[in-house]
């Protein structure tokens, strides 16, 4: 049985990692907290909260830093704008629904608005200045990934394999593209990214797709993983990571697939390496950083795909996607520890336990520090104190 399924069932952290999968009794052993002699201790600048946060549900609801504000949201529908200097509340809004709003996809800033999707199949647009709800639309599918913005469009990827473009002013649908969704998939979707008039996203059937933003015309699809094995679980090939674009190259990784570098002009693969992951990548332009399905941290050379280092000390700790802050690579885990690593070696530099509730997402860099949102809704701004 694949490791991601084992981890989720063993820890009961993420509800429904697999859509439609019943159960698994294999035991997964979480690596012990590593012993780290911290070279520095971050200083807390301010604290706030965002309701009950996301709890133990699956969520990639990250904070967003834009328009000189920090925007945060909770799964049950609370959205806040905070002053990044002192955490002061600028405005708050609450999505009124009979049941929990189940916000999950976002937050994305653009066109003077904030765009957030939900597991209830809705996309919301808020005015960034006032918090007023400008529009909300049904998109007939869960929105688990952050939307993209380009060409006055809000581009949304749903769990039904539909990529659709909404008018940023009215929310009206401008075009849709449908891709195949297998009977069994991982819980999650690839957030689309745009560049040079194109939109790129991963699909549940193991491909990277590209389309023209303005028309919604599919250009090409590149296989990232090929289903193999006797069972549906063995044959999972979801590409849930968001594509990463550096210059004329795009990088993408799939579950049971490969880390692949693709030339944007031709759509052809420059190199492929056998890594399996469902988390977003990070890069400092020269190296690509990823967290594998086993929670191993890997660095590879962006030009050649050559592995530079591996750190296996956080195995099965449900590590967040990596983030670069200052000169460090940073990840959080399910027990609320934040880890700082040297980018050139993968060695630990510092470690802190911020909250026992754990992290669903990594930190969000801001101008003079970073913002953390814990699973139980604590919001903290910290700075590195060396």
Protein backbone atom coordinates (compact mmCIF):
# COMPACT_ATOMS: atom_id res chain seq x y z
CA UNK A 1 0.00 0.00 0.00
CA UNK A 2 1.29 3.42 -0.85
CA UNK A 3 2.85 5.51 1.88
CA UNK A 4 0.67 8.61 1.59
CA UNK A 5 -2.46 6.53 2.25
CA UNK A 6 -0.79 4.76 5.16
CA UNK A 7 0.27 8.02 6.80
CA UNK A 8 -3.12 9.65 6.53
CA UNK A 9 -4.99 6.72 7.99
CA UNK A 10 -2.47 6.13 10.75
CA UNK A 11 -2.42 9.70 12.03
CA UNK A 12 -6.03 10.68 11.24
CA UNK A 13 -4.78 14.14 10.34
CA UNK A 14 -6.40 14.59 6.94
CA UNK A 15 -9.99 13.57 6.35
CA UNK A 16 -10.54 11.67 3.12
CA UNK A 17 -7.07 11.75 1.57
CA UNK A 18 -8.45 9.35 -1.00
CA UNK A 19 -11.80 10.06 -2.59
CA UNK A 20 -13.80 6.86 -2.34
CA UNK A 21 -11.21 4.66 -0.58
CA UNK A 22 -12.36 2.61 2.40
CA UNK A 23 -9.48 1.74 4.67
CA UNK A 24 -6.02 0.40 5.37
CA UNK A 25 -4.63 -1.24 8.49
CA UNK A 26 -0.90 -0.95 7.84
CA UNK A 27 0.98 0.88 10.54
CA UNK A 28 3.16 3.84 9.69
CA UNK A 29 5.95 4.82 12.04
CA UNK A 30 6.54 8.55 12.33
CA UNK A 31 10.17 9.52 12.67
CA UNK A 32 11.05 10.98 16.08
CA UNK A 33 11.55 14.72 16.39
CA UNK A 34 15.16 15.28 15.30
CA UNK A 35 17.67 16.66 17.72
CA UNK A 36 18.59 20.12 16.46
CA UNK A 37 20.91 22.63 18.08
CA UNK A 38 19.12 25.79 16.99
CA UNK A 39 21.36 28.51 15.63
CA UNK A 40 18.64 31.10 16.14
CA UNK A 41 15.23 31.55 17.77
CA UNK A 42 12.56 33.51 15.87
CA UNK A 43 10.88 36.40 17.67
CA UNK A 44 7.09 36.71 17.69
CA UNK A 45 6.00 40.19 16.53
CA UNK A 46 2.27 39.71 17.00
CA UNK A 47 -0.43 37.06 17.33
CA UNK A 48 -4.01 36.89 16.11
CA UNK A 49 -6.50 34.19 15.20
CA UNK A 50 -8.77 33.10 12.38
CA UNK A 51 -11.67 31.30 14.01
CA UNK A 52 -11.17 27.56 14.34
CA UNK A 53 -8.74 27.43 11.44
CA UNK A 54 -8.99 24.32 9.28
CA UNK A 55 -8.99 21.79 12.12
CA UNK A 56 -7.97 18.28 11.12
CA UNK A 57 -9.49 18.54 7.66
CA UNK A 58 -7.56 18.39 4.41
CA UNK A 59 -6.74 21.99 3.48
CA UNK A 60 -4.14 24.08 1.68
CA UNK A 61 -5.71 27.37 2.79
CA UNK A 62 -2.58 29.49 3.05
CA UNK A 63 -2.28 33.09 4.19
CA UNK A 64 -1.80 35.64 1.38
CA UNK A 65 0.37 38.75 1.56
CA UNK A 66 -0.80 41.42 -0.91
CA UNK A 67 -1.95 45.05 -1.04
CA UNK A 68 0.07 45.72 2.14
CA UNK A 69 -2.18 43.36 4.06
CA UNK A 70 -2.08 39.81 5.37
CA UNK A 71 -5.22 37.88 4.41
CA UNK A 72 -6.27 34.75 6.29
CA UNK A 73 -9.36 32.54 6.21
CA UNK A 74 -10.89 29.68 8.17
CA UNK A 75 -12.66 26.63 6.81
CA UNK A 76 -15.98 27.67 8.35
CA UNK A 77 -16.10 30.92 6.34
CA UNK A 78 -14.29 33.65 8.26
CA UNK A 79 -11.99 35.90 6.18
CA UNK A 80 -9.79 38.62 7.71
CA UNK A 81 -7.42 41.32 6.55
CA UNK A 82 -4.65 42.11 9.05
CA UNK A 83 -2.04 44.85 9.26
CA UNK A 84 1.32 43.11 8.68
CA UNK A 85 3.10 45.50 11.04
CA UNK A 86 1.05 44.89 14.18
CA UNK A 87 -1.65 42.30 13.38
CA UNK A 88 -4.42 44.87 13.78
CA UNK A 89 -7.74 43.83 12.23
CA UNK A 90 -8.49 45.93 9.15
CA UNK A 91 -11.69 44.13 8.16
CA UNK A 92 -13.41 40.80 8.50
CA UNK A 93 -16.10 39.06 6.50
CA UNK A 94 -18.06 35.89 7.05
CA UNK A 95 -19.51 33.74 4.29
CA UNK A 96 -23.07 33.07 5.35
CA UNK A 97 -24.20 29.52 4.59
CA UNK A 98 -26.56 27.03 6.22
CA UNK A 99 -23.64 24.66 6.67
CA UNK A 100 -19.94 25.32 7.04
CA UNK A 101 -18.59 27.29 4.10
CA UNK A 102 -15.76 24.70 3.89
CA UNK A 103 -13.32 27.19 2.40
CA UNK A 104 -10.31 25.35 1.01
CA UNK A 105 -9.06 26.72 -2.31
CA UNK A 106 -7.09 29.95 -2.00
CA UNK A 107 -6.45 32.67 -0.95
CA UNK A 108 -5.51 34.30 -4.29
CA UNK A 109 -5.16 38.10 -4.67
CA UNK A 110 -5.69 39.92 -7.96
CA UNK A 111 -7.64 42.75 -9.63
CA UNK A 112 -8.12 44.41 -6.23
CA UNK A 113 -9.93 41.32 -4.97
CA UNK A 114 -9.45 38.07 -3.07
CA UNK A 115 -10.61 34.79 -4.59
CA UNK A 116 -11.36 31.74 -2.46
CA UNK A 117 -12.91 28.42 -3.47
CA UNK A 118 -14.77 25.94 -1.31
CA UNK A 119 -15.51 22.26 -0.95
CA UNK A 120 -19.16 23.24 -1.46
CA UNK A 121 -18.38 24.04 -5.10
CA UNK A 122 -18.43 27.82 -4.81
CA UNK A 123 -15.94 30.55 -5.63
CA UNK A 124 -16.06 33.84 -3.70
CA UNK A 125 -14.66 37.24 -4.69
CA UNK A 126 -14.03 39.80 -1.92
CA UNK A 127 -13.00 43.44 -2.26
CA UNK A 128 -9.49 43.59 -0.80
CA UNK A 129 -10.00 47.09 0.61
CA UNK A 130 -13.32 46.61 2.40
CA UNK A 131 -14.01 42.87 2.57
CA UNK A 132 -17.28 43.33 0.70
CA UNK A 133 -18.41 40.19 -1.14
CA UNK A 134 -18.42 41.21 -4.81
CA UNK A 135 -19.78 37.94 -6.16
CA UNK A 136 -20.07 34.22 -5.57
CA UNK A 137 -20.71 31.51 -8.16
CA UNK A 138 -21.31 27.77 -8.21
CA UNK A 139 -18.74 25.80 -10.22
CA UNK A 140 -20.17 22.29 -9.80
CA UNK A 141 -17.15 20.76 -8.13
CA UNK A 142 -14.98 21.08 -5.03
CA UNK A 143 -12.29 23.75 -5.24
CA UNK A 144 -9.33 22.47 -3.23
CA UNK A 145 -6.58 24.47 -4.94
CA UNK A 146 -5.87 28.20 -5.19
CA UNK A 147 -7.23 29.90 -8.33
CA UNK A 148 -4.97 31.74 -10.79
CA UNK A 149 -5.54 35.20 -12.27
CA UNK A 150 -4.67 36.39 -15.78
CA UNK A 151 -6.23 38.38 -18.65
CA UNK A 152 -9.10 39.60 -16.40
CA UNK A 153 -9.98 35.98 -15.68
CA UNK A 154 -10.05 33.90 -12.50
CA UNK A 155 -8.98 30.37 -13.43
CA UNK A 156 -10.30 27.59 -11.19
CA UNK A 157 -9.51 23.87 -11.09
CA UNK A 158 -12.19 21.59 -9.59
CA UNK A 159 -12.02 18.01 -8.34
CA UNK A 160 -14.18 16.92 -11.31
CA UNK A 161 -11.30 17.58 -13.66
CA UNK A 162 -12.73 20.86 -14.93
CA UNK A 163 -10.59 23.94 -15.48
CA UNK A 164 -12.78 26.98 -15.92
CA UNK A 165 -12.23 30.69 -16.38
CA UNK A 166 -14.49 33.19 -14.62
CA UNK A 167 -14.85 36.86 -15.47
CA UNK A 168 -13.13 38.76 -12.65
CA UNK A 169 -15.86 41.43 -12.54
CA UNK A 170 -19.00 39.29 -12.69
CA UNK A 171 -17.94 35.69 -12.02
CA UNK A 172 -19.50 34.62 -15.32
CA UNK A 173 -17.95 31.53 -16.91
CA UNK A 174 -15.91 32.36 -20.03
CA UNK A 175 -14.61 28.90 -20.94
CA UNK A 176 -14.14 25.38 -19.59
CA UNK A 177 -11.75 22.52 -20.25
CA UNK A 178 -12.50 18.97 -19.11
CA UNK A 179 -9.90 16.30 -18.31
CA UNK A 180 -10.40 12.69 -17.29
CA UNK A 181 -10.67 11.83 -13.59
CA UNK A 182 -10.02 8.17 -12.55
CA UNK A 183 -12.39 6.40 -10.16
CA UNK A 184 -9.87 6.69 -7.32
CA UNK A 185 -7.78 9.81 -6.74
CA UNK A 186 -5.82 11.54 -4.04
CA UNK A 187 -7.57 14.25 -2.05
CA UNK A 188 -6.29 17.41 -3.71
CA UNK A 189 -5.90 19.25 -7.00
CA UNK A 190 -3.16 21.12 -8.81
CA UNK A 191 -3.35 24.92 -8.59
CA UNK A 192 -3.06 26.36 -12.10
CA UNK A 193 -0.31 28.84 -13.00
CA UNK A 194 -0.09 31.22 -15.96
CA UNK A 195 2.80 32.52 -18.05
CA UNK A 196 3.24 34.04 -21.52
CA UNK A 197 -0.42 33.70 -22.43
CA UNK A 198 -0.67 30.08 -21.31
CA UNK A 199 -2.17 28.32 -18.32
CA UNK A 200 -0.62 25.13 -16.94
CA UNK A 201 -2.01 22.62 -14.45
CA UNK A 202 -1.67 19.02 -13.30
CA UNK A 203 -4.44 16.47 -13.80
CA UNK A 204 -5.71 13.50 -11.83
CA UNK A 205 -4.83 11.13 -14.69
CA UNK A 206 -1.12 11.83 -14.43
CA UNK A 207 -0.57 14.62 -16.93
CA UNK A 208 0.54 18.22 -17.15
CA UNK A 209 -1.85 20.20 -19.37
CA UNK A 210 -1.37 23.52 -21.14
CA UNK A 211 -3.97 25.82 -22.69
CA UNK A 212 -4.28 29.33 -24.11
CA UNK A 213 -5.56 31.60 -21.34
CA UNK A 214 -7.80 33.91 -23.37
CA UNK A 215 -9.62 31.18 -25.34
CA UNK A 216 -9.37 28.10 -23.15
CA UNK A 217 -7.92 26.13 -26.06
CA UNK A 218 -5.97 23.02 -25.01
CA UNK A 219 -2.43 23.12 -26.48
CA UNK A 220 -0.73 19.97 -25.22
CA UNK A 221 -0.60 17.39 -22.45
CA UNK A 222 2.62 15.84 -21.16
CA UNK A 223 2.53 12.53 -19.19
CA UNK A 224 4.14 12.84 -15.75
CA UNK A 225 3.14 9.42 -14.42
CA UNK A 226 1.88 6.20 -15.98
CA UNK A 227 -0.55 3.95 -14.07
CA UNK A 228 1.13 0.70 -13.03
CA UNK A 229 0.19 -2.12 -10.68
CA UNK A 230 -2.65 -4.50 -10.00
CA UNK A 231 -4.86 -2.35 -7.75
CA UNK A 232 -6.41 1.07 -8.17
CA UNK A 233 -4.31 2.38 -5.29
CA UNK A 234 -1.13 1.14 -6.94
CA UNK A 235 -2.21 2.93 -10.12
CA UNK A 236 -2.70 6.37 -8.57
CA UNK A 237 -0.84 8.96 -10.66
CA UNK A 238 -2.33 12.28 -9.55
CA UNK A 239 -0.43 15.44 -10.39
CA UNK A 240 -1.59 17.59 -7.46
CA UNK A 241 1.43 19.87 -7.21
CA UNK A 242 1.25 23.31 -8.78
CA UNK A 243 3.60 23.80 -11.76
CA UNK A 244 6.69 25.87 -11.00
CA UNK A 245 7.92 28.19 -13.77
CA UNK A 246 11.51 29.46 -13.96
CA UNK A 247 12.30 31.42 -17.12
CA UNK A 248 11.52 29.23 -20.13
CA UNK A 249 11.26 26.02 -18.08
CA UNK A 250 8.42 24.50 -16.12
CA UNK A 251 8.88 21.97 -13.31
CA UNK A 252 6.22 19.55 -12.13
CA UNK A 253 6.07 16.44 -9.95
CA UNK A 254 3.45 13.71 -9.67
CA UNK A 255 2.41 11.04 -7.21
CA UNK A 256 3.79 7.71 -8.46
CA UNK A 257 5.20 9.85 -11.23
CA UNK A 258 8.34 11.82 -11.90
CA UNK A 259 9.87 15.19 -11.24
CA UNK A 260 9.94 16.61 -14.76
CA UNK A 261 11.47 19.70 -16.37
CA UNK A 262 9.55 20.87 -19.44
CA UNK A 263 10.54 23.40 -22.10
CA UNK A 264 7.65 25.87 -22.31
CA UNK A 265 8.19 26.59 -25.98
CA UNK A 266 7.96 23.01 -27.19
CA UNK A 267 6.11 21.29 -24.36
CA UNK A 268 8.79 18.58 -24.42
CA UNK A 269 10.54 17.18 -21.36
CA UNK A 270 14.13 18.32 -20.79
CA UNK A 271 14.76 15.74 -18.06
CA UNK A 272 12.85 13.40 -15.74
CA UNK A 273 13.75 11.99 -12.32
CA UNK A 274 11.95 9.32 -10.30
CA UNK A 275 10.45 11.16 -7.33
CA UNK A 276 6.88 10.80 -6.08
CA UNK A 277 5.13 13.75 -4.44
CA UNK A 278 1.77 15.49 -4.17
CA UNK A 279 3.18 18.71 -2.67
CA UNK A 280 4.21 21.97 -4.30
CA UNK A 281 7.83 22.60 -5.21
CA UNK A 282 10.10 25.45 -4.12
CA UNK A 283 13.08 26.96 -5.90
CA UNK A 284 15.84 29.53 -5.49
CA UNK A 285 16.37 29.60 -9.30
CA UNK A 286 19.36 27.23 -9.22
CA UNK A 287 17.85 24.32 -7.25
CA UNK A 288 14.44 22.65 -7.02
CA UNK A 289 13.25 21.51 -3.57
CA UNK A 290 10.54 18.93 -2.94
CA UNK A 291 8.96 16.79 -0.22
CA UNK A 292 8.37 13.20 -1.32
CA UNK A 293 5.43 10.99 -0.40
CA UNK A 294 7.58 9.62 2.45
CA UNK A 295 8.34 13.16 3.68
CA UNK A 296 11.94 13.03 2.53
CA UNK A 297 13.33 16.44 1.62
CA UNK A 298 15.17 16.51 -1.70
CA UNK A 299 17.17 19.13 -3.59
CA UNK A 300 18.01 18.74 -7.28
CA UNK A 301 19.87 20.91 -9.76
CA UNK A 302 17.35 22.86 -11.85
CA UNK A 303 19.35 22.54 -15.08
CA UNK A 304 20.22 18.86 -15.00
CA UNK A 305 17.97 17.23 -12.40
CA UNK A 306 21.04 15.91 -10.56
CA UNK A 307 20.26 15.17 -6.93
CA UNK A 308 22.17 17.52 -4.63
CA UNK A 309 21.12 16.19 -1.23
CA UNK A 310 18.49 14.20 0.67
CA UNK A 311 17.24 14.61 4.24
CA UNK A 312 15.17 11.66 5.52
CA UNK A 313 14.93 12.67 9.16
CA UNK A 314 11.29 13.87 8.93
CA UNK A 315 9.94 10.65 7.45
CA UNK A 316 6.15 10.27 7.82
CA UNK A 317 5.80 13.46 9.87
CA UNK A 318 3.23 14.88 7.38
CA UNK A 319 5.51 17.69 6.29
CA UNK A 320 4.19 20.82 4.54
CA UNK A 321 5.36 21.92 1.12
CA UNK A 322 8.75 23.66 1.38
CA UNK A 323 9.06 27.45 1.50
CA UNK A 324 12.16 29.61 1.14
CA UNK A 325 12.60 32.29 3.80
CA UNK A 326 15.77 34.36 3.88
CA UNK A 327 18.53 31.90 2.96
CA UNK A 328 16.75 28.87 4.42
CA UNK A 329 14.40 26.12 3.35
CA UNK A 330 11.49 25.86 5.81
CA UNK A 331 8.84 23.18 6.42
CA UNK A 332 6.32 22.50 9.18
CA UNK A 333 4.89 19.19 10.39
CA UNK A 334 1.75 17.66 11.90
CA UNK A 335 2.94 18.22 15.48
CA UNK A 336 3.51 21.93 15.02
CA UNK A 337 7.29 21.92 14.61
CA UNK A 338 8.93 24.34 12.20
CA UNK A 339 12.25 23.25 10.67
CA UNK A 340 14.92 25.42 9.06
CA UNK A 341 17.45 23.82 6.71
CA UNK A 342 20.54 25.01 4.87
CA UNK A 343 19.67 25.12 1.18
CA UNK A 344 23.06 23.92 -0.02
CA UNK A 345 23.36 20.91 2.30
CA UNK A 346 19.92 20.00 3.69
CA UNK A 347 21.28 20.17 7.25
CA UNK A 348 19.02 21.44 10.03
CA UNK A 349 19.86 24.92 11.28
CA UNK A 350 17.03 25.57 13.71
CA UNK A 351 13.75 24.09 14.98
CA UNK A 352 10.83 25.35 17.07
CA UNK A 353 7.51 23.91 18.18
CA UNK A 354 5.03 26.67 17.45
CA UNK A 355 1.72 24.92 18.14
CA UNK A 356 0.69 21.40 19.09
CA UNK A 357 -2.21 21.58 16.60
CA UNK A 358 0.22 21.27 13.69
CA UNK A 359 0.48 22.88 10.28
CA UNK A 360 -1.58 22.26 7.17
CA UNK A 361 0.52 24.75 5.19
CA UNK A 362 3.95 26.30 5.50
CA UNK A 363 4.79 29.90 6.42
CA UNK A 364 3.99 32.89 4.20
CA UNK A 365 6.90 35.31 3.70
CA UNK A 366 6.17 39.00 4.31
CA UNK A 367 8.39 42.04 3.92
CA UNK A 368 10.26 41.75 7.22
CA UNK A 369 9.38 38.28 8.47
CA UNK A 370 6.89 35.50 7.92
CA UNK A 371 3.33 34.60 8.94
CA UNK A 372 2.29 31.22 10.32
CA UNK A 373 -1.26 29.86 10.47
CA UNK A 374 -1.77 26.75 12.59
CA UNK A 375 -4.49 24.17 12.16
CA UNK A 376 -6.44 25.54 15.13
CA UNK A 377 -6.45 29.07 13.68
CA UNK A 378 -3.58 30.80 15.48
CA UNK A 379 -1.97 33.48 13.29
CA UNK A 380 1.54 34.64 14.18
CA UNK A 381 4.05 36.94 12.59
CA UNK A 382 7.67 36.12 13.42
CA UNK A 383 11.08 37.42 12.50
CA UNK A 384 14.42 35.63 12.59
CA UNK A 385 16.48 36.63 15.60
CA UNK A 386 20.09 35.61 14.91
